[in-house]
Amino acid sequence: MKKYILISVFALISYSGFSQQLKKTDDKLDMAVLSLDLEGYEMASIEMKQELNLTQEQYAQVEQLNKQRYEKLKEVHLAERPEEIQKKINDTTDTALSTILSEDQLQSYFELEGRRKTQFMTDVVE
């Protein structure tokens, strides 16, 4: 019986040690991102351009909007209630994006952000 317990413990240790070696990484992507000298708003704008298939005109507007948003978010850290201010900034950004993006692009943006909004700002006001 001791023999089976010892073999089981050894197998468990071997399995856990082996599983730690198997990690899926995207080191090439990490190195590519780190090699670029971009600000946060620029990276967000580039990602939005690729994921949402923005036109050049939309991209210029989104880039300016992201720059303003990131500048405001930097100031939030000094505030007393940063969560409330961040929510206001996000709501303002969402409203501005709803005038720039099509409905499909806006839905894709919310999915990209990890927020699934079923209502737009105009639906909430009504």
N, C-alpha and C. Protein backbone atom coordinates (compact mmCIF):
# COMPACT_ATOMS: atom_id res chain seq x y z
N MET A 1 0.83 -1.19 0.00
CA MET A 1 0.00 0.00 0.00
C MET A 1 0.88 1.26 0.00
N LYS A 2 1.96 1.22 0.81
CA LYS A 2 2.86 2.36 0.85
C LYS A 2 3.48 2.60 -0.52
N LYS A 3 3.72 1.53 -1.21
CA LYS A 3 4.32 1.61 -2.53
C LYS A 3 3.41 2.38 -3.50
N TYR A 4 2.11 2.10 -3.47
CA TYR A 4 1.15 2.78 -4.36
C TYR A 4 1.00 4.25 -3.98
N ILE A 5 1.00 4.54 -2.72
CA ILE A 5 0.90 5.94 -2.27
C ILE A 5 2.14 6.70 -2.71
N LEU A 6 3.30 6.10 -2.54
CA LEU A 6 4.55 6.73 -2.94
C LEU A 6 4.59 6.97 -4.46
N ILE A 7 4.14 6.00 -5.23
CA ILE A 7 4.09 6.16 -6.69
C ILE A 7 3.09 7.25 -7.07
N SER A 8 1.96 7.32 -6.39
CA SER A 8 0.95 8.35 -6.67
C SER A 8 1.49 9.74 -6.37
N VAL A 9 2.16 9.90 -5.25
CA VAL A 9 2.74 11.19 -4.87
C VAL A 9 3.81 11.59 -5.89
N PHE A 10 4.67 10.66 -6.26
CA PHE A 10 5.70 10.93 -7.25
C PHE A 10 5.09 11.34 -8.59
N ALA A 11 4.05 10.63 -9.01
CA ALA A 11 3.38 10.95 -10.27
C ALA A 11 2.74 12.35 -10.20
N LEU A 12 2.15 12.69 -9.09
CA LEU A 12 1.52 14.00 -8.93
C LEU A 12 2.56 15.11 -8.99
N ILE A 13 3.67 14.91 -8.31
CA ILE A 13 4.73 15.91 -8.33
C ILE A 13 5.31 16.05 -9.74
N SER A 14 5.53 14.95 -10.41
CA SER A 14 6.07 14.99 -11.77
C SER A 14 5.11 15.70 -12.72
N TYR A 15 3.83 15.40 -12.58
CA TYR A 15 2.82 15.99 -13.45
C TYR A 15 2.75 17.50 -13.24
N SER A 16 2.75 17.94 -11.99
CA SER A 16 2.66 19.38 -11.72
C SER A 16 3.93 20.09 -12.18
N GLY A 17 5.07 19.47 -12.01
CA GLY A 17 6.32 20.07 -12.49
C GLY A 17 6.35 20.18 -14.00
N PHE A 18 5.89 19.17 -14.69
CA PHE A 18 5.86 19.19 -16.14
C PHE A 18 4.86 20.23 -16.67
N SER A 19 3.73 20.35 -16.00
CA SER A 19 2.71 21.28 -16.47
C SER A 19 3.15 22.73 -16.34
N GLN A 20 4.05 23.02 -15.42
CA GLN A 20 4.54 24.38 -15.29
C GLN A 20 5.47 24.76 -16.43
N GLN A 21 6.07 23.78 -17.06
CA GLN A 21 6.95 24.04 -18.20
C GLN A 21 6.15 24.35 -19.46
N LEU A 22 4.94 23.87 -19.54
CA LEU A 22 4.11 24.07 -20.72
C LEU A 22 3.33 25.37 -20.58
N LYS A 23 3.88 26.43 -21.08
CA LYS A 23 3.16 27.68 -21.01
C LYS A 23 3.07 28.27 -22.41
N LYS A 24 1.90 28.71 -22.71
CA LYS A 24 1.68 29.31 -24.01
C LYS A 24 1.94 30.81 -23.88
N THR A 25 2.90 31.29 -24.59
CA THR A 25 3.24 32.71 -24.50
C THR A 25 3.27 33.31 -25.89
N ASP A 26 3.18 34.59 -25.88
CA ASP A 26 3.35 35.33 -27.12
C ASP A 26 4.47 36.34 -26.88
N ASP A 27 5.65 35.79 -26.60
CA ASP A 27 6.82 36.61 -26.31
C ASP A 27 7.18 37.52 -27.49
N LYS A 28 6.98 37.04 -28.69
CA LYS A 28 7.30 37.86 -29.86
C LYS A 28 6.43 39.11 -29.89
N LEU A 29 5.14 38.93 -29.58
CA LEU A 29 4.23 40.07 -29.55
C LEU A 29 4.61 41.02 -28.42
N ASP A 30 4.93 40.48 -27.26
CA ASP A 30 5.34 41.32 -26.13
C ASP A 30 6.57 42.14 -26.49
N MET A 31 7.55 41.51 -27.10
CA MET A 31 8.77 42.22 -27.48
C MET A 31 8.49 43.28 -28.55
N ALA A 32 7.59 42.97 -29.46
CA ALA A 32 7.24 43.94 -30.50
C ALA A 32 6.55 45.16 -29.89
N VAL A 33 5.66 44.92 -28.94
CA VAL A 33 4.95 46.03 -28.30
C VAL A 33 5.92 46.86 -27.46
N LEU A 34 6.80 46.20 -26.73
CA LEU A 34 7.75 46.92 -25.89
C LEU A 34 8.78 47.69 -26.70
N SER A 35 9.05 47.26 -27.91
CA SER A 35 10.03 47.95 -28.73
C SER A 35 9.48 49.24 -29.34
N LEU A 36 8.16 49.38 -29.36
CA LEU A 36 7.55 50.58 -29.90
C LEU A 36 7.53 51.68 -28.85
N ASP A 37 7.69 52.89 -29.31
CA ASP A 37 7.66 54.03 -28.40
C ASP A 37 6.32 54.75 -28.60
N LEU A 38 5.27 54.17 -28.04
CA LEU A 38 3.93 54.72 -28.19
C LEU A 38 3.33 55.06 -26.84
N GLU A 39 2.51 56.09 -26.84
CA GLU A 39 1.74 56.43 -25.65
C GLU A 39 0.53 55.50 -25.57
N GLY A 40 -0.14 55.49 -24.43
CA GLY A 40 -1.30 54.63 -24.23
C GLY A 40 -2.42 54.91 -25.20
N TYR A 41 -2.70 56.20 -25.44
CA TYR A 41 -3.79 56.54 -26.35
C TYR A 41 -3.47 56.14 -27.78
N GLU A 42 -2.18 56.17 -28.15
CA GLU A 42 -1.81 55.77 -29.50
C GLU A 42 -2.00 54.27 -29.70
N MET A 43 -1.64 53.50 -28.69
CA MET A 43 -1.83 52.05 -28.78
C MET A 43 -3.31 51.71 -28.85
N ALA A 44 -4.13 52.40 -28.03
CA ALA A 44 -5.57 52.16 -28.05
C ALA A 44 -6.16 52.53 -29.40
N SER A 45 -5.70 53.62 -29.97
CA SER A 45 -6.21 54.06 -31.27
C SER A 45 -5.84 53.09 -32.38
N ILE A 46 -4.61 52.59 -32.36
CA ILE A 46 -4.18 51.63 -33.37
C ILE A 46 -4.99 50.34 -33.26
N GLU A 47 -5.21 49.89 -32.02
CA GLU A 47 -6.00 48.67 -31.82
C GLU A 47 -7.43 48.87 -32.31
N MET A 48 -8.01 50.04 -32.00
CA MET A 48 -9.37 50.31 -32.45
C MET A 48 -9.44 50.37 -33.98
N LYS A 49 -8.40 50.96 -34.60
CA LYS A 49 -8.40 51.05 -36.06
C LYS A 49 -8.41 49.66 -36.68
N GLN A 50 -7.61 48.75 -36.13
CA GLN A 50 -7.52 47.41 -36.69
C GLN A 50 -8.77 46.60 -36.39
N GLU A 51 -9.25 46.67 -35.17
CA GLU A 51 -10.37 45.82 -34.76
C GLU A 51 -11.71 46.32 -35.30
N LEU A 52 -11.87 47.64 -35.43
CA LEU A 52 -13.16 48.21 -35.84
C LEU A 52 -13.18 48.62 -37.31
N ASN A 53 -12.06 48.43 -38.03
CA ASN A 53 -11.98 48.82 -39.44
C ASN A 53 -12.38 50.28 -39.64
N LEU A 54 -11.67 51.17 -38.94
CA LEU A 54 -11.98 52.59 -39.01
C LEU A 54 -11.47 53.19 -40.32
N THR A 55 -12.20 54.18 -40.81
CA THR A 55 -11.72 54.96 -41.94
C THR A 55 -10.68 55.94 -41.42
N GLN A 56 -9.98 56.61 -42.32
CA GLN A 56 -8.96 57.59 -41.90
C GLN A 56 -9.60 58.74 -41.11
N GLU A 57 -10.76 59.17 -41.56
CA GLU A 57 -11.46 60.26 -40.86
C GLU A 57 -11.87 59.82 -39.45
N GLN A 58 -12.43 58.61 -39.34
CA GLN A 58 -12.81 58.08 -38.03
C GLN A 58 -11.59 57.91 -37.14
N TYR A 59 -10.50 57.43 -37.75
CA TYR A 59 -9.29 57.20 -36.97
C TYR A 59 -8.76 58.51 -36.38
N ALA A 60 -8.77 59.58 -37.16
CA ALA A 60 -8.29 60.88 -36.67
C ALA A 60 -9.15 61.36 -35.50
N GLN A 61 -10.47 61.19 -35.62
CA GLN A 61 -11.37 61.62 -34.54
C GLN A 61 -11.19 60.75 -33.29
N VAL A 62 -11.06 59.45 -33.50
CA VAL A 62 -10.91 58.53 -32.37
C VAL A 62 -9.57 58.77 -31.67
N GLU A 63 -8.52 59.04 -32.44
CA GLU A 63 -7.22 59.29 -31.84
C GLU A 63 -7.26 60.54 -30.96
N GLN A 64 -7.90 61.60 -31.45
CA GLN A 64 -8.03 62.83 -30.66
C GLN A 64 -8.86 62.57 -29.40
N LEU A 65 -9.93 61.82 -29.54
CA LEU A 65 -10.79 61.48 -28.41
C LEU A 65 -10.04 60.65 -27.37
N ASN A 66 -9.27 59.66 -27.84
CA ASN A 66 -8.48 58.83 -26.92
C ASN A 66 -7.41 59.65 -26.20
N LYS A 67 -6.81 60.60 -26.90
CA LYS A 67 -5.80 61.46 -26.28
C LYS A 67 -6.43 62.27 -25.15
N GLN A 68 -7.59 62.86 -25.42
CA GLN A 68 -8.28 63.63 -24.39
C GLN A 68 -8.68 62.74 -23.21
N ARG A 69 -9.16 61.55 -23.52
CA ARG A 69 -9.58 60.61 -22.47
C ARG A 69 -8.41 60.22 -21.58
N TYR A 70 -7.27 59.89 -22.18
CA TYR A 70 -6.10 59.47 -21.40
C TYR A 70 -5.56 60.61 -20.55
N GLU A 71 -5.62 61.84 -21.07
CA GLU A 71 -5.18 62.99 -20.27
C GLU A 71 -6.09 63.18 -19.06
N LYS A 72 -7.39 63.02 -19.26
CA LYS A 72 -8.32 63.13 -18.14
C LYS A 72 -8.12 62.00 -17.13
N LEU A 73 -7.86 60.79 -17.63
CA LEU A 73 -7.67 59.65 -16.73
C LEU A 73 -6.39 59.79 -15.90
N LYS A 74 -5.39 60.48 -16.43
CA LYS A 74 -4.17 60.72 -15.64
C LYS A 74 -4.47 61.61 -14.44
N GLU A 75 -5.38 62.57 -14.63
CA GLU A 75 -5.74 63.49 -13.55
C GLU A 75 -6.62 62.83 -12.50
N VAL A 76 -7.30 61.76 -12.87
CA VAL A 76 -8.25 61.10 -11.97
C VAL A 76 -7.56 60.55 -10.73
N HIS A 77 -6.34 60.11 -10.84
CA HIS A 77 -5.64 59.49 -9.72
C HIS A 77 -5.50 60.44 -8.53
N LEU A 78 -5.57 61.73 -8.79
CA LEU A 78 -5.43 62.71 -7.71
C LEU A 78 -6.77 63.03 -7.05
N ALA A 79 -7.85 62.57 -7.61
CA ALA A 79 -9.19 62.91 -7.11
C ALA A 79 -9.56 62.05 -5.90
N GLU A 80 -10.61 62.52 -5.18
CA GLU A 80 -11.07 61.79 -4.01
C GLU A 80 -11.84 60.53 -4.38
N ARG A 81 -12.71 60.60 -5.35
CA ARG A 81 -13.53 59.47 -5.79
C ARG A 81 -13.24 59.15 -7.24
N PRO A 82 -12.15 58.44 -7.49
CA PRO A 82 -11.75 58.20 -8.89
C PRO A 82 -12.73 57.34 -9.67
N GLU A 83 -13.45 56.42 -9.00
CA GLU A 83 -14.38 55.54 -9.71
C GLU A 83 -15.51 56.32 -10.37
N GLU A 84 -16.03 57.29 -9.65
CA GLU A 84 -17.13 58.09 -10.19
C GLU A 84 -16.66 58.93 -11.36
N ILE A 85 -15.48 59.51 -11.23
CA ILE A 85 -14.95 60.35 -12.31
C ILE A 85 -14.63 59.50 -13.53
N GLN A 86 -14.07 58.30 -13.31
CA GLN A 86 -13.79 57.40 -14.43
C GLN A 86 -15.06 57.02 -15.16
N LYS A 87 -16.13 56.77 -14.42
CA LYS A 87 -17.40 56.43 -15.05
C LYS A 87 -17.91 57.59 -15.90
N LYS A 88 -17.78 58.81 -15.39
CA LYS A 88 -18.20 59.99 -16.17
C LYS A 88 -17.37 60.14 -17.44
N ILE A 89 -16.06 59.90 -17.31
CA ILE A 89 -15.18 60.00 -18.48
C ILE A 89 -15.56 58.93 -19.50
N ASN A 90 -15.80 57.71 -19.03
CA ASN A 90 -16.20 56.63 -19.95
C ASN A 90 -17.53 56.93 -20.61
N ASP A 91 -18.49 57.47 -19.85
CA ASP A 91 -19.78 57.82 -20.43
C ASP A 91 -19.64 58.92 -21.48
N THR A 92 -18.82 59.91 -21.20
CA THR A 92 -18.58 61.00 -22.15
C THR A 92 -17.92 60.45 -23.42
N THR A 93 -16.94 59.55 -23.23
CA THR A 93 -16.27 58.94 -24.38
C THR A 93 -17.24 58.10 -25.19
N ASP A 94 -18.09 57.33 -24.51
CA ASP A 94 -19.08 56.51 -25.21
C ASP A 94 -20.04 57.37 -26.03
N THR A 95 -20.46 58.49 -25.46
CA THR A 95 -21.36 59.39 -26.18
C THR A 95 -20.67 59.96 -27.42
N ALA A 96 -19.42 60.37 -27.26
CA ALA A 96 -18.68 60.91 -28.41
C ALA A 96 -18.45 59.84 -29.47
N LEU A 97 -18.14 58.63 -29.04
CA LEU A 97 -17.92 57.54 -30.00
C LEU A 97 -19.20 57.18 -30.74
N SER A 98 -20.33 57.35 -30.08
CA SER A 98 -21.59 57.01 -30.76
C SER A 98 -21.88 57.94 -31.93
N THR A 99 -21.27 59.13 -31.93
CA THR A 99 -21.43 60.03 -33.07
C THR A 99 -20.40 59.75 -34.17
N ILE A 100 -19.30 59.09 -33.81
CA ILE A 100 -18.22 58.83 -34.77
C ILE A 100 -18.40 57.46 -35.44
N LEU A 101 -18.72 56.45 -34.65
CA LEU A 101 -18.77 55.07 -35.14
C LEU A 101 -20.16 54.67 -35.60
N SER A 102 -20.21 53.68 -36.48
CA SER A 102 -21.50 53.10 -36.85
C SER A 102 -21.98 52.22 -35.71
N GLU A 103 -23.23 51.76 -35.78
CA GLU A 103 -23.77 50.93 -34.70
C GLU A 103 -22.99 49.62 -34.56
N ASP A 104 -22.64 49.01 -35.68
CA ASP A 104 -21.86 47.76 -35.62
C ASP A 104 -20.48 48.00 -35.01
N GLN A 105 -19.85 49.09 -35.41
CA GLN A 105 -18.54 49.41 -34.85
C GLN A 105 -18.64 49.70 -33.36
N LEU A 106 -19.71 50.36 -32.95
CA LEU A 106 -19.89 50.69 -31.54
C LEU A 106 -20.09 49.42 -30.71
N GLN A 107 -20.90 48.50 -31.22
CA GLN A 107 -21.08 47.22 -30.52
C GLN A 107 -19.75 46.47 -30.43
N SER A 108 -18.99 46.48 -31.52
CA SER A 108 -17.68 45.81 -31.51
C SER A 108 -16.73 46.49 -30.51
N TYR A 109 -16.84 47.81 -30.40
CA TYR A 109 -16.01 48.54 -29.43
C TYR A 109 -16.34 48.11 -28.01
N PHE A 110 -17.62 48.01 -27.69
CA PHE A 110 -18.00 47.60 -26.35
C PHE A 110 -17.54 46.17 -26.05
N GLU A 111 -17.60 45.30 -27.05
CA GLU A 111 -17.10 43.94 -26.86
C GLU A 111 -15.58 43.94 -26.67
N LEU A 112 -14.90 44.80 -27.42
CA LEU A 112 -13.45 44.93 -27.30
C LEU A 112 -13.06 45.44 -25.91
N GLU A 113 -13.85 46.34 -25.38
CA GLU A 113 -13.59 46.90 -24.06
C GLU A 113 -14.02 45.95 -22.94
N GLY A 114 -14.71 44.89 -23.30
CA GLY A 114 -15.17 43.96 -22.28
C GLY A 114 -16.48 44.39 -21.65
N ARG A 115 -17.12 45.35 -22.26
CA ARG A 115 -18.41 45.82 -21.77
C ARG A 115 -19.45 45.53 -22.85
N ARG A 116 -20.46 44.86 -22.46
CA ARG A 116 -21.53 44.57 -23.42
C ARG A 116 -22.71 45.46 -23.08
N LYS A 117 -22.78 46.57 -23.77
CA LYS A 117 -23.89 47.48 -23.53
C LYS A 117 -25.02 47.11 -24.47
N THR A 118 -26.18 46.93 -23.89
CA THR A 118 -27.34 46.62 -24.72
C THR A 118 -28.11 47.89 -25.06
N GLN A 119 -27.81 48.94 -24.30
CA GLN A 119 -28.47 50.21 -24.57
C GLN A 119 -27.42 51.25 -24.91
N PHE A 120 -27.79 52.14 -25.81
CA PHE A 120 -26.93 53.26 -26.10
C PHE A 120 -27.33 54.42 -25.20
N MET A 121 -26.53 55.43 -25.18
CA MET A 121 -26.80 56.59 -24.32
C MET A 121 -28.16 57.22 -24.66
N THR A 122 -28.52 57.22 -25.93
CA THR A 122 -29.81 57.82 -26.31
C THR A 122 -30.97 57.04 -25.76
N ASP A 123 -30.80 55.70 -25.60
CA ASP A 123 -31.86 54.87 -25.03
C ASP A 123 -32.06 55.15 -23.55
N VAL A 124 -30.97 55.50 -22.86
CA VAL A 124 -31.04 55.75 -21.44
C VAL A 124 -31.75 57.06 -21.16
N VAL A 125 -31.53 58.07 -22.02
CA VAL A 125 -32.09 59.39 -21.82
C VAL A 125 -33.61 59.37 -22.01
N GLU A 126 -34.10 58.56 -22.92
CA GLU A 126 -35.52 58.52 -23.21
C GLU A 126 -36.37 58.06 -22.09
